[in-house]
Amino acid sequence: MTIGFVLIKAEPGYEHKIYNELTKVIEIIQIHPLSEEYDFIAKVEAENYDKFERIVVKKIKSIEGIINIKTLTETKF
C-alpha cells in the first residue's frame, strides 16, 4: 500500500469546482483546504507507487483549473 499527499494550487475562481471534482476520486481519502501557497492537500491511498502516480496524473492533474501540484510520498528506511 502506498500513501501519499498531493498539494494542489488552483486557478483563482476554480476552488469550489476543483474541490467537488476531488471528492469524486475514490482513492482520495482526505481533502483539506489550505490558505497559503497551495489551495488543497489531498491524501491518496493506492495499491503501489505506480498506481499512485497514475491516479495523480490521470485523475487529479487533469482536473480543469489546477495550475500546479506537488506530490509527497512515503518512503521506507
Protein backbone atom coordinates (compact mmCIF):
# COMPACT_ATOMS: atom_id res chain seq x y z
CA MET A 1 0.00 0.00 0.00
CA THR A 2 1.28 3.46 -0.93
CA ILE A 3 0.07 6.56 0.85
CA GLY A 4 0.92 9.99 -0.47
CA PHE A 5 -0.13 13.60 -0.26
CA VAL A 6 -0.81 15.92 -3.17
CA LEU A 7 -0.53 19.68 -2.71
CA ILE A 8 -2.78 21.41 -5.23
CA LYS A 9 -2.70 25.00 -6.49
CA ALA A 10 -5.93 26.22 -8.09
CA GLU A 11 -6.52 28.92 -10.63
CA PRO A 12 -8.46 31.71 -8.87
CA GLY A 13 -12.19 31.11 -9.09
CA TYR A 14 -11.87 27.33 -9.61
CA GLU A 15 -11.52 26.32 -5.96
CA HIS A 16 -15.07 25.01 -5.46
CA LYS A 17 -15.12 23.20 -8.81
CA ILE A 18 -11.79 21.53 -8.07
CA TYR A 19 -12.89 20.53 -4.56
CA ASN A 20 -16.05 18.94 -5.97
CA GLU A 21 -14.04 17.03 -8.60
CA LEU A 22 -11.53 15.83 -6.00
CA THR A 23 -14.36 14.35 -3.90
CA LYS A 24 -15.19 12.08 -6.85
CA VAL A 25 -11.73 10.45 -6.86
CA ILE A 26 -12.26 7.35 -4.72
CA GLU A 27 -8.55 6.94 -3.94
CA ILE A 28 -8.52 10.33 -2.19
CA ILE A 29 -9.31 9.53 1.43
CA GLN A 30 -8.99 13.09 2.80
CA ILE A 31 -9.09 16.61 1.33
CA HIS A 32 -8.22 19.72 3.29
CA PRO A 33 -8.44 23.32 2.02
CA LEU A 34 -5.34 25.42 2.69
CA SER A 35 -4.77 29.16 2.76
CA GLU A 36 -1.22 29.84 1.62
CA GLU A 37 0.87 28.77 -1.40
CA TYR A 38 -1.36 25.76 -2.17
CA ASP A 39 -5.16 25.61 -2.00
CA PHE A 40 -5.66 21.93 -1.07
CA ILE A 41 -3.88 18.93 0.31
CA ALA A 42 -5.25 15.53 -0.64
CA LYS A 43 -4.32 12.24 1.00
CA VAL A 44 -4.21 9.47 -1.60
CA GLU A 45 -4.14 5.73 -0.99
CA ALA A 46 -3.07 3.33 -3.75
CA GLU A 47 -2.02 -0.31 -4.07
CA ASN A 48 1.53 0.65 -5.09
CA TYR A 49 3.65 3.57 -6.25
CA ASP A 50 2.86 3.07 -9.96
CA LYS A 51 -0.88 3.22 -9.30
CA PHE A 52 -0.35 6.28 -7.10
CA GLU A 53 1.38 8.06 -9.99
CA ARG A 54 -1.39 7.10 -12.42
CA ILE A 55 -4.02 8.49 -10.02
CA VAL A 56 -2.10 11.76 -9.74
CA VAL A 57 -1.62 12.17 -13.49
CA LYS A 58 -4.93 10.85 -14.84
CA LYS A 59 -7.42 11.69 -12.10
CA ILE A 60 -6.02 14.72 -10.25
CA LYS A 61 -3.68 16.67 -12.52
CA SER A 62 -6.19 16.55 -15.37
CA ILE A 63 -8.87 18.46 -13.42
CA GLU A 64 -9.62 21.80 -15.07
CA GLY A 65 -8.34 24.76 -13.08
CA ILE A 66 -5.39 23.04 -11.41
CA ILE A 67 -2.27 25.03 -12.22
CA ASN A 68 0.34 23.28 -10.07
CA ILE A 69 0.74 20.19 -7.92
CA LYS A 70 3.43 18.77 -5.67
CA THR A 71 3.41 15.13 -4.58
CA LEU A 72 4.81 13.79 -1.35
CA THR A 73 5.03 10.02 -0.91
CA GLU A 74 6.09 7.80 1.91
CA THR A 75 9.46 6.11 1.83
CA LYS A 76 10.99 3.09 3.53
CA PHE A 77 14.05 3.26 5.76
